[in-house]
Amino acid sequence: MQDSINKRPEHAHVPSGLALPTRDLKPRKKGITSVIDWGPDTFGWGGSEIGIRSALECTSDYIDFVKIFAPNLLLLPEQTIKKAVACYKDYGVSVYAGGIIFEYAYRKNQVDSFLQLLRRVGLDALEVSENCVSLSRDERMKVIDQLQKQGFQVVYEYGTKDPDVPMQLDDLDQIVADLLTLGIDYVTLEQSELDLLASERPTDMAQLKAREWFSRALIEADPYRFPKQHATMLVEFGSDVNLANITLGQALRLEGMRRGIGRAVNYSIFADL
């Protein structure tokens, strides 16, 4: 996904003089913030081109990826989605389609129609998820390979929306290894899977964080639990953890928290002064 970001936009904010603790500039390899655009929703800006531009004028430096909330691809007018996608790209932000509609199209044997829709709205990247559809290893590899051959970048999300048992780390290790052979750098970890693992197998949670590939994991947060949950993740995983499912309206505050500013992180910026 980051290959599509070639340079910092001309409007990029470069502080001088008094400055906050620095972070890597885009394209980043760590500390990634992946936003979800819910459309015209109560979670900050979204949906409207004017609203998106207003948000990105302030925050584009701090947003690496944007996922278009999957159902909106079929609920909103195509021209609305097309304008939103173009806007994100104008500001140097990689944008892709959420995975649920891909799963729906896969079950209905209408993936080609779905890809045609993505092309019409200017999307050249999509999420392959298994929230509601389970793929065998061969099916997963074949689907991703076919999408890549058709010119689409793939973001993979691991996990179901309502898991019955905690994830098996060995299975996840194999999936990550497979994805690397296909040139996919990042894997998103479903929030529900992480919640269950933390509550039922905390020792496995510690082992997950110790995985060599964990730096390439995007950890889903819960927008409804902002900022407390997000602050907890920054403490648990480090300020450079990759976080996903951040809303447009939360991106700027999250960036401040990463740098130690905010009640949720106890203004840790002052700890080393």
C-alpha atoms as a PDB file:
ATOM      1  CA  MET A   1       0.000   0.000   0.000  1.00  0.00           C
ATOM      2  CA  GLN A   2       2.742   2.451   0.849  1.00  0.00           C
ATOM      3  CA  ASP A   3       4.250   2.134  -2.633  1.00  0.00           C
ATOM      4  CA  SER A   4       1.463   4.428  -3.827  1.00  0.00           C
ATOM      5  CA  ILE A   5       2.789   7.261  -1.643  1.00  0.00           C
ATOM      6  CA  ASN A   6       5.649   8.746  -3.603  1.00  0.00           C
ATOM      7  CA  LYS A   7       6.290  12.019  -1.813  1.00  0.00           C
ATOM      8  CA  ARG A   8       5.056  14.314   0.895  1.00  0.00           C
ATOM      9  CA  PRO A   9       2.330  16.677  -0.347  1.00  0.00           C
ATOM     10  CA  GLU A  10       3.390  20.259  -0.950  1.00  0.00           C
ATOM     11  CA  HIS A  11       1.147  21.379   1.910  1.00  0.00           C
ATOM     12  CA  ALA A  12       2.869  19.062   4.408  1.00  0.00           C
ATOM     13  CA  HIS A  13       3.431  20.633   7.806  1.00  0.00           C
ATOM     14  CA  VAL A  14       7.118  20.810   8.718  1.00  0.00           C
ATOM     15  CA  PRO A  15       7.572  22.341  12.179  1.00  0.00           C
ATOM     16  CA  SER A  16      10.480  24.615  13.004  1.00  0.00           C
ATOM     17  CA  GLY A  17      11.768  26.022  16.246  1.00  0.00           C
ATOM     18  CA  LEU A  18       9.766  24.681  19.171  1.00  0.00           C
ATOM     19  CA  ALA A  19       8.610  21.221  18.126  1.00  0.00           C
ATOM     20  CA  LEU A  20       7.081  18.095  19.607  1.00  0.00           C
ATOM     21  CA  PRO A  21       9.039  14.827  19.721  1.00  0.00           C
ATOM     22  CA  THR A  22       9.552  13.758  16.127  1.00  0.00           C
ATOM     23  CA  ARG A  23       8.146  10.690  14.410  1.00  0.00           C
ATOM     24  CA  ASP A  24       9.026   9.019  11.131  1.00  0.00           C
ATOM     25  CA  LEU A  25       7.669  10.779   8.068  1.00  0.00           C
ATOM     26  CA  LYS A  26       5.530   9.035   5.455  1.00  0.00           C
ATOM     27  CA  PRO A  27       5.904   6.466   4.077  1.00  0.00           C
ATOM     28  CA  ARG A  28       6.319   5.017   7.559  1.00  0.00           C
ATOM     29  CA  LYS A  29       7.281   1.481   8.517  1.00  0.00           C
ATOM     30  CA  LYS A  30       6.003   1.832  12.082  1.00  0.00           C
ATOM     31  CA  GLY A  31       3.567   3.980  13.984  1.00  0.00           C
ATOM     32  CA  ILE A  32       1.060   3.676  11.139  1.00  0.00           C
ATOM     33  CA  THR A  33      -2.384   5.181  11.553  1.00  0.00           C
ATOM     34  CA  SER A  34      -5.059   3.554   9.401  1.00  0.00           C
ATOM     35  CA  VAL A  35      -8.324   5.496   9.314  1.00  0.00           C
ATOM     36  CA  ILE A  36     -11.759   4.121   8.528  1.00  0.00           C
ATOM     37  CA  ASP A  37     -14.064   6.452   6.586  1.00  0.00           C
ATOM     38  CA  TRP A  38     -17.577   5.687   7.779  1.00  0.00           C
ATOM     39  CA  GLY A  39     -19.096   8.188   5.367  1.00  0.00           C
ATOM     40  CA  PRO A  40     -21.473  10.889   6.648  1.00  0.00           C
ATOM     41  CA  ASP A  41     -21.389   9.636  10.214  1.00  0.00           C
ATOM     42  CA  THR A  42     -21.119  11.040  13.724  1.00  0.00           C
ATOM     43  CA  PHE A  43     -17.447  10.004  13.871  1.00  0.00           C
ATOM     44  CA  GLY A  44     -15.926  13.213  12.544  1.00  0.00           C
ATOM     45  CA  TRP A  45     -15.510  14.152   8.903  1.00  0.00           C
ATOM     46  CA  GLY A  46     -16.276  11.677   6.143  1.00  0.00           C
ATOM     47  CA  GLY A  47     -18.333  11.075   3.048  1.00  0.00           C
ATOM     48  CA  SER A  48     -18.372  14.687   1.876  1.00  0.00           C
ATOM     49  CA  GLU A  49     -15.483  15.798  -0.317  1.00  0.00           C
ATOM     50  CA  ILE A  50     -15.463  19.194   1.405  1.00  0.00           C
ATOM     51  CA  GLY A  51     -15.416  17.562   4.821  1.00  0.00           C
ATOM     52  CA  ILE A  52     -12.607  15.187   3.860  1.00  0.00           C
ATOM     53  CA  ARG A  53     -10.480  17.988   2.456  1.00  0.00           C
ATOM     54  CA  SER A  54     -11.012  20.047   5.593  1.00  0.00           C
ATOM     55  CA  ALA A  55      -9.843  17.113   7.701  1.00  0.00           C
ATOM     56  CA  LEU A  56      -6.833  16.275   5.543  1.00  0.00           C
ATOM     57  CA  GLU A  57      -5.594  19.850   5.474  1.00  0.00           C
ATOM     58  CA  CYS A  58      -4.992  19.325   9.188  1.00  0.00           C
ATOM     59  CA  THR A  59      -4.112  15.646   9.424  1.00  0.00           C
ATOM     60  CA  SER A  60      -2.805  14.170   6.151  1.00  0.00           C
ATOM     61  CA  ASP A  61       0.740  14.001   7.564  1.00  0.00           C
ATOM     62  CA  TYR A  62      -0.514  11.683  10.277  1.00  0.00           C
ATOM     63  CA  ILE A  63      -2.721   9.326   8.241  1.00  0.00           C
ATOM     64  CA  ASP A  64      -1.096   6.501   6.304  1.00  0.00           C
ATOM     65  CA  PHE A  65      -4.057   4.445   5.090  1.00  0.00           C
ATOM     66  CA  VAL A  66      -7.801   4.979   4.758  1.00  0.00           C
ATOM     67  CA  LYS A  67     -10.313   2.169   4.485  1.00  0.00           C
ATOM     68  CA  ILE A  68     -13.663   2.984   2.901  1.00  0.00           C
ATOM     69  CA  PHE A  69     -16.322   1.448   5.152  1.00  0.00           C
ATOM     70  CA  ALA A  70     -17.307  -1.525   3.012  1.00  0.00           C
ATOM     71  CA  PRO A  71     -21.131  -1.205   2.851  1.00  0.00           C
ATOM     72  CA  ASN A  72     -20.837   2.395   1.669  1.00  0.00           C
ATOM     73  CA  LEU A  73     -19.527   1.110  -1.652  1.00  0.00           C
ATOM     74  CA  LEU A  74     -23.071  -0.124  -2.327  1.00  0.00           C
ATOM     75  CA  LEU A  75     -25.027   2.418  -0.274  1.00  0.00           C
ATOM     76  CA  LEU A  76     -23.550   5.736  -1.414  1.00  0.00           C
ATOM     77  CA  PRO A  77     -23.666   7.151  -4.976  1.00  0.00           C
ATOM     78  CA  GLU A  78     -20.640   6.071  -6.963  1.00  0.00           C
ATOM     79  CA  GLN A  79     -19.727   9.696  -7.693  1.00  0.00           C
ATOM     80  CA  THR A  80     -19.589  10.401  -3.946  1.00  0.00           C
ATOM     81  CA  ILE A  81     -17.172   7.521  -3.378  1.00  0.00           C
ATOM     82  CA  LYS A  82     -15.152   8.499  -6.434  1.00  0.00           C
ATOM     83  CA  LYS A  83     -14.680  12.069  -5.156  1.00  0.00           C
ATOM     84  CA  ALA A  84     -13.716  10.810  -1.702  1.00  0.00           C
ATOM     85  CA  VAL A  85     -11.132   8.368  -3.101  1.00  0.00           C
ATOM     86  CA  ALA A  86      -9.603  11.059  -5.317  1.00  0.00           C
ATOM     87  CA  CYS A  87      -9.416  13.429  -2.378  1.00  0.00           C
ATOM     88  CA  TYR A  88      -7.456  10.996  -0.221  1.00  0.00           C
ATOM     89  CA  LYS A  89      -5.055  10.302  -3.059  1.00  0.00           C
ATOM     90  CA  ASP A  90      -4.580  14.040  -3.641  1.00  0.00           C
ATOM     91  CA  TYR A  91      -3.326  14.305  -0.085  1.00  0.00           C
ATOM     92  CA  GLY A  92      -0.910  11.375  -0.342  1.00  0.00           C
ATOM     93  CA  VAL A  93      -3.023   8.898   1.632  1.00  0.00           C
ATOM     94  CA  SER A  94      -3.379   5.289   0.435  1.00  0.00           C
ATOM     95  CA  VAL A  95      -7.036   4.292   0.242  1.00  0.00           C
ATOM     96  CA  TYR A  96      -8.662   0.873  -0.100  1.00  0.00           C
ATOM     97  CA  ALA A  97     -12.039  -0.840   0.090  1.00  0.00           C
ATOM     98  CA  GLY A  98     -13.122  -2.657   3.246  1.00  0.00           C
ATOM     99  CA  GLY A  99     -13.416  -6.420   3.076  1.00  0.00           C
ATOM    100  CA  ILE A 100     -17.006  -7.336   3.954  1.00  0.00           C
ATOM    101  CA  ILE A 101     -18.386  -6.562   0.485  1.00  0.00           C
ATOM    102  CA  PHE A 102     -15.548  -8.568  -1.035  1.00  0.00           C
ATOM    103  CA  GLU A 103     -16.664 -11.515   1.111  1.00  0.00           C
ATOM    104  CA  TYR A 104     -20.271 -10.927   0.053  1.00  0.00           C
ATOM    105  CA  ALA A 105     -19.262 -10.826  -3.617  1.00  0.00           C
ATOM    106  CA  TYR A 106     -17.144 -13.959  -3.183  1.00  0.00           C
ATOM    107  CA  ARG A 107     -20.073 -15.877  -1.718  1.00  0.00           C
ATOM    108  CA  LYS A 108     -22.333 -14.707  -4.568  1.00  0.00           C
ATOM    109  CA  ASN A 109     -19.677 -15.503  -7.193  1.00  0.00           C
ATOM    110  CA  GLN A 110     -19.689 -11.857  -8.278  1.00  0.00           C
ATOM    111  CA  VAL A 111     -16.103 -10.817  -7.575  1.00  0.00           C
ATOM    112  CA  ASP A 112     -15.646  -9.557 -11.144  1.00  0.00           C
ATOM    113  CA  SER A 113     -18.620  -7.197 -10.737  1.00  0.00           C
ATOM    114  CA  PHE A 114     -17.171  -5.962  -7.451  1.00  0.00           C
ATOM    115  CA  LEU A 115     -13.796  -5.264  -9.050  1.00  0.00           C
ATOM    116  CA  GLN A 116     -15.501  -3.337 -11.847  1.00  0.00           C
ATOM    117  CA  LEU A 117     -17.155  -1.166  -9.189  1.00  0.00           C
ATOM    118  CA  LEU A 118     -13.806  -0.520  -7.527  1.00  0.00           C
ATOM    119  CA  ARG A 119     -12.285   0.546 -10.829  1.00  0.00           C
ATOM    120  CA  ARG A 120     -15.189   2.907 -11.549  1.00  0.00           C
ATOM    121  CA  VAL A 121     -14.677   4.741  -8.250  1.00  0.00           C
ATOM    122  CA  GLY A 122     -10.896   4.901  -8.649  1.00  0.00           C
ATOM    123  CA  LEU A 123      -9.905   2.228  -6.126  1.00  0.00           C
ATOM    124  CA  ASP A 124      -6.927   0.024  -6.953  1.00  0.00           C
ATOM    125  CA  ALA A 125      -6.646  -1.620  -3.528  1.00  0.00           C
ATOM    126  CA  LEU A 126      -8.968  -3.720  -1.391  1.00  0.00           C
ATOM    127  CA  GLU A 127      -9.077  -5.691   1.793  1.00  0.00           C
ATOM    128  CA  VAL A 128      -9.377  -9.462   1.720  1.00  0.00           C
ATOM    129  CA  SER A 129     -10.904 -10.548   5.009  1.00  0.00           C
ATOM    130  CA  GLU A 130     -12.417 -13.683   6.477  1.00  0.00           C
ATOM    131  CA  ASN A 131     -14.835 -12.124   8.940  1.00  0.00           C
ATOM    132  CA  CYS A 132     -17.835 -14.042   7.634  1.00  0.00           C
ATOM    133  CA  VAL A 133     -16.333 -16.332   4.985  1.00  0.00           C
ATOM    134  CA  SER A 134     -13.623 -18.905   5.691  1.00  0.00           C
ATOM    135  CA  LEU A 135     -11.014 -19.651   3.042  1.00  0.00           C
ATOM    136  CA  SER A 136      -8.723 -22.631   2.891  1.00  0.00           C
ATOM    137  CA  ARG A 137      -5.036 -21.886   2.527  1.00  0.00           C
ATOM    138  CA  ASP A 138      -5.138 -22.730  -1.184  1.00  0.00           C
ATOM    139  CA  GLU A 139      -8.257 -20.598  -1.731  1.00  0.00           C
ATOM    140  CA  ARG A 140      -6.717 -17.667   0.109  1.00  0.00           C
ATOM    141  CA  MET A 141      -3.477 -17.794  -1.870  1.00  0.00           C
ATOM    142  CA  LYS A 142      -5.327 -18.208  -5.165  1.00  0.00           C
ATOM    143  CA  VAL A 143      -7.738 -15.325  -4.517  1.00  0.00           C
ATOM    144  CA  ILE A 144      -4.983 -12.912  -3.524  1.00  0.00           C
ATOM    145  CA  ASP A 145      -2.785 -13.940  -6.443  1.00  0.00           C
ATOM    146  CA  GLN A 146      -5.646 -13.408  -8.904  1.00  0.00           C
ATOM    147  CA  LEU A 147      -6.433  -9.971  -7.472  1.00  0.00           C
ATOM    148  CA  GLN A 148      -2.797  -8.928  -7.718  1.00  0.00           C
ATOM    149  CA  LYS A 149      -2.584 -10.122 -11.325  1.00  0.00           C
ATOM    150  CA  GLN A 150      -5.562  -7.885 -12.106  1.00  0.00           C
ATOM    151  CA  GLY A 151      -3.659  -4.871 -10.789  1.00  0.00           C
ATOM    152  CA  PHE A 152      -5.098  -4.611  -7.270  1.00  0.00           C
ATOM    153  CA  GLN A 153      -3.097  -4.154  -4.115  1.00  0.00           C
ATOM    154  CA  VAL A 154      -4.341  -6.368  -1.302  1.00  0.00           C
ATOM    155  CA  VAL A 155      -4.613  -5.668   2.410  1.00  0.00           C
ATOM    156  CA  TYR A 156      -5.344  -8.789   4.455  1.00  0.00           C
ATOM    157  CA  GLU A 157      -7.375  -8.888   7.653  1.00  0.00           C
ATOM    158  CA  TYR A 158      -7.131 -11.873   9.964  1.00  0.00           C
ATOM    159  CA  GLY A 159      -9.995 -13.030  12.158  1.00  0.00           C
ATOM    160  CA  THR A 160     -13.743 -13.332  12.479  1.00  0.00           C
ATOM    161  CA  LYS A 161     -16.205 -10.839  13.909  1.00  0.00           C
ATOM    162  CA  ASP A 162     -17.474 -13.273  16.552  1.00  0.00           C
ATOM    163  CA  PRO A 163     -14.771 -15.862  17.362  1.00  0.00           C
ATOM    164  CA  ASP A 164     -15.691 -18.869  19.514  1.00  0.00           C
ATOM    165  CA  VAL A 165     -12.155 -19.723  20.595  1.00  0.00           C
ATOM    166  CA  PRO A 166      -8.941 -17.695  20.850  1.00  0.00           C
ATOM    167  CA  MET A 167      -6.734 -17.524  17.772  1.00  0.00           C
ATOM    168  CA  GLN A 168      -4.024 -20.122  17.291  1.00  0.00           C
ATOM    169  CA  LEU A 169      -0.708 -18.324  16.927  1.00  0.00           C
ATOM    170  CA  ASP A 170       0.804 -21.096  14.806  1.00  0.00           C
ATOM    171  CA  ASP A 171      -2.022 -20.695  12.278  1.00  0.00           C
ATOM    172  CA  LEU A 172      -1.496 -16.942  12.217  1.00  0.00           C
ATOM    173  CA  ASP A 173       2.263 -17.420  11.772  1.00  0.00           C
ATOM    174  CA  GLN A 174       1.617 -19.548   8.683  1.00  0.00           C
ATOM    175  CA  ILE A 175      -0.782 -16.997   7.192  1.00  0.00           C
ATOM    176  CA  VAL A 176       1.687 -14.174   7.722  1.00  0.00           C
ATOM    177  CA  ALA A 177       4.460 -16.222   6.119  1.00  0.00           C
ATOM    178  CA  ASP A 178       2.202 -16.930   3.123  1.00  0.00           C
ATOM    179  CA  LEU A 179       1.336 -13.251   2.781  1.00  0.00           C
ATOM    180  CA  LEU A 180       4.997 -12.291   2.747  1.00  0.00           C
ATOM    181  CA  THR A 181       5.607 -14.652  -0.183  1.00  0.00           C
ATOM    182  CA  LEU A 182       2.870 -12.746  -2.035  1.00  0.00           C
ATOM    183  CA  GLY A 183       4.478  -9.395  -1.283  1.00  0.00           C
ATOM    184  CA  ILE A 184       1.948  -8.295   1.341  1.00  0.00           C
ATOM    185  CA  ASP A 185       3.704  -6.461   4.144  1.00  0.00           C
ATOM    186  CA  TYR A 186       0.900  -5.850   6.622  1.00  0.00           C
ATOM    187  CA  VAL A 187      -1.839  -7.902   8.220  1.00  0.00           C
ATOM    188  CA  THR A 188      -4.731  -6.339  10.130  1.00  0.00           C
ATOM    189  CA  LEU A 189      -5.728  -8.163  13.297  1.00  0.00           C
ATOM    190  CA  GLU A 190      -9.469  -8.176  13.946  1.00  0.00           C
ATOM    191  CA  GLN A 191     -10.437  -6.404  17.154  1.00  0.00           C
ATOM    192  CA  SER A 192     -12.716  -9.238  18.322  1.00  0.00           C
ATOM    193  CA  GLU A 193      -9.887 -11.746  18.025  1.00  0.00           C
ATOM    194  CA  LEU A 194      -7.540  -9.606  20.103  1.00  0.00           C
ATOM    195  CA  ASP A 195     -10.151  -8.991  22.792  1.00  0.00           C
ATOM    196  CA  LEU A 196     -10.794 -12.727  23.151  1.00  0.00           C
ATOM    197  CA  LEU A 197      -7.104 -13.620  23.188  1.00  0.00           C
ATOM    198  CA  ALA A 198      -6.354 -10.991  25.844  1.00  0.00           C
ATOM    199  CA  SER A 199      -9.184 -12.170  28.087  1.00  0.00           C
ATOM    200  CA  GLU A 200      -8.743 -15.950  27.769  1.00  0.00           C
ATOM    201  CA  ARG A 201      -5.067 -16.450  26.925  1.00  0.00           C
ATOM    202  CA  PRO A 202      -3.056 -13.486  28.200  1.00  0.00           C
ATOM    203  CA  THR A 203       0.173 -15.463  27.942  1.00  0.00           C
ATOM    204  CA  ASP A 204      -0.488 -15.981  24.229  1.00  0.00           C
ATOM    205  CA  MET A 205      -1.088 -12.243  23.918  1.00  0.00           C
ATOM    206  CA  ALA A 206       2.413 -11.667  25.248  1.00  0.00           C
ATOM    207  CA  GLN A 207       3.771 -14.196  22.749  1.00  0.00           C
ATOM    208  CA  LEU A 208       1.916 -12.446  19.934  1.00  0.00           C
ATOM    209  CA  LYS A 209       3.639  -9.158  20.747  1.00  0.00           C
ATOM    210  CA  ALA A 210       6.998 -10.939  20.682  1.00  0.00           C
ATOM    211  CA  ARG A 211       6.525 -12.257  17.137  1.00  0.00           C
ATOM    212  CA  GLU A 212       9.167 -10.968  14.686  1.00  0.00           C
ATOM    213  CA  TRP A 213       6.440  -9.949  12.258  1.00  0.00           C
ATOM    214  CA  PHE A 214       4.358  -8.082  14.867  1.00  0.00           C
ATOM    215  CA  SER A 215       5.801  -4.754  13.704  1.00  0.00           C
ATOM    216  CA  ARG A 216       3.903  -5.369  10.443  1.00  0.00           C
ATOM    217  CA  ALA A 217       0.579  -5.954  12.195  1.00  0.00           C
ATOM    218  CA  LEU A 218      -2.179  -3.341  12.172  1.00  0.00           C
ATOM    219  CA  ILE A 219      -4.051  -3.540  15.464  1.00  0.00           C
ATOM    220  CA  GLU A 220      -7.751  -2.732  15.226  1.00  0.00           C
ATOM    221  CA  ALA A 221      -9.032  -0.310  17.841  1.00  0.00           C
ATOM    222  CA  ASP A 222     -12.631   0.372  18.822  1.00  0.00           C
ATOM    223  CA  PRO A 223     -13.742   3.912  17.887  1.00  0.00           C
ATOM    224  CA  TYR A 224     -16.340   3.786  20.652  1.00  0.00           C
ATOM    225  CA  ARG A 225     -13.597   3.285  23.259  1.00  0.00           C
ATOM    226  CA  PHE A 226     -11.525   6.291  22.229  1.00  0.00           C
ATOM    227  CA  PRO A 227      -9.342   7.617  23.797  1.00  0.00           C
ATOM    228  CA  LYS A 228      -8.991   5.265  26.778  1.00  0.00           C
ATOM    229  CA  GLN A 229      -8.486   2.053  24.804  1.00  0.00           C
ATOM    230  CA  HIS A 230      -6.113   3.727  22.368  1.00  0.00           C
ATOM    231  CA  ALA A 231      -3.998   5.127  25.199  1.00  0.00           C
ATOM    232  CA  THR A 232      -3.864   1.654  26.739  1.00  0.00           C
ATOM    233  CA  MET A 233      -2.616   0.250  23.428  1.00  0.00           C
ATOM    234  CA  LEU A 234       0.103   2.902  23.212  1.00  0.00           C
ATOM    235  CA  VAL A 235       1.275   1.921  26.691  1.00  0.00           C
ATOM    236  CA  GLU A 236       1.033  -1.824  26.028  1.00  0.00           C
ATOM    237  CA  PHE A 237       2.524  -1.933  22.539  1.00  0.00           C
ATOM    238  CA  GLY A 238       4.544   1.299  22.419  1.00  0.00           C
ATOM    239  CA  SER A 239       3.851   4.689  20.864  1.00  0.00           C
ATOM    240  CA  ASP A 240       4.882   3.385  17.432  1.00  0.00           C
ATOM    241  CA  VAL A 241       2.269   0.618  17.338  1.00  0.00           C
ATOM    242  CA  ASN A 242       0.301   0.417  14.097  1.00  0.00           C
ATOM    243  CA  LEU A 243      -3.356   1.190  14.812  1.00  0.00           C
ATOM    244  CA  ALA A 244      -6.346   0.668  12.529  1.00  0.00           C
ATOM    245  CA  ASN A 245     -10.035   1.654  12.604  1.00  0.00           C
ATOM    246  CA  ILE A 246      -9.203   5.192  13.685  1.00  0.00           C
ATOM    247  CA  THR A 247     -11.839   7.705  12.631  1.00  0.00           C
ATOM    248  CA  LEU A 248     -10.993  10.866  10.747  1.00  0.00           C
ATOM    249  CA  GLY A 249     -12.055  12.877  13.756  1.00  0.00           C
ATOM    250  CA  GLN A 250      -9.716  10.915  16.043  1.00  0.00           C
ATOM    251  CA  ALA A 251      -6.528  10.981  13.938  1.00  0.00           C
ATOM    252  CA  LEU A 252      -5.184  14.297  15.195  1.00  0.00           C
ATOM    253  CA  ARG A 253      -5.787  13.511  18.884  1.00  0.00           C
ATOM    254  CA  LEU A 254      -4.178  10.090  18.402  1.00  0.00           C
ATOM    255  CA  GLU A 255      -1.103  11.757  16.930  1.00  0.00           C
ATOM    256  CA  GLY A 256      -0.865  13.977  19.989  1.00  0.00           C
ATOM    257  CA  MET A 257      -1.182  10.938  22.246  1.00  0.00           C
ATOM    258  CA  ARG A 258       1.597   9.180  20.329  1.00  0.00           C
ATOM    259  CA  ARG A 259       3.816  12.124  21.212  1.00  0.00           C
ATOM    260  CA  GLY A 260       2.828  12.136  24.858  1.00  0.00           C
ATOM    261  CA  ILE A 261       0.156  14.838  25.010  1.00  0.00           C
ATOM    262  CA  GLY A 262      -3.266  14.257  26.491  1.00  0.00           C
ATOM    263  CA  ARG A 263      -4.925  13.293  29.750  1.00  0.00           C
ATOM    264  CA  ALA A 264      -5.370   9.713  28.450  1.00  0.00           C
ATOM    265  CA  VAL A 265      -1.564   9.279  28.311  1.00  0.00           C
ATOM    266  CA  ASN A 266      -0.918  11.296  31.465  1.00  0.00           C
ATOM    267  CA  TYR A 267       0.999  13.946  29.510  1.00  0.00           C
ATOM    268  CA  SER A 268       3.971  11.628  29.297  1.00  0.00           C
ATOM    269  CA  ILE A 269       5.793  14.177  27.141  1.00  0.00           C
ATOM    270  CA  PHE A 270       6.991  15.747  30.386  1.00  0.00           C
ATOM    271  CA  ALA A 271       8.482  12.540  31.791  1.00  0.00           C
ATOM    272  CA  ASP A 272      11.872  12.985  30.133  1.00  0.00           C
ATOM    273  CA  LEU A 273      12.174  16.764  30.494  1.00  0.00           C
END
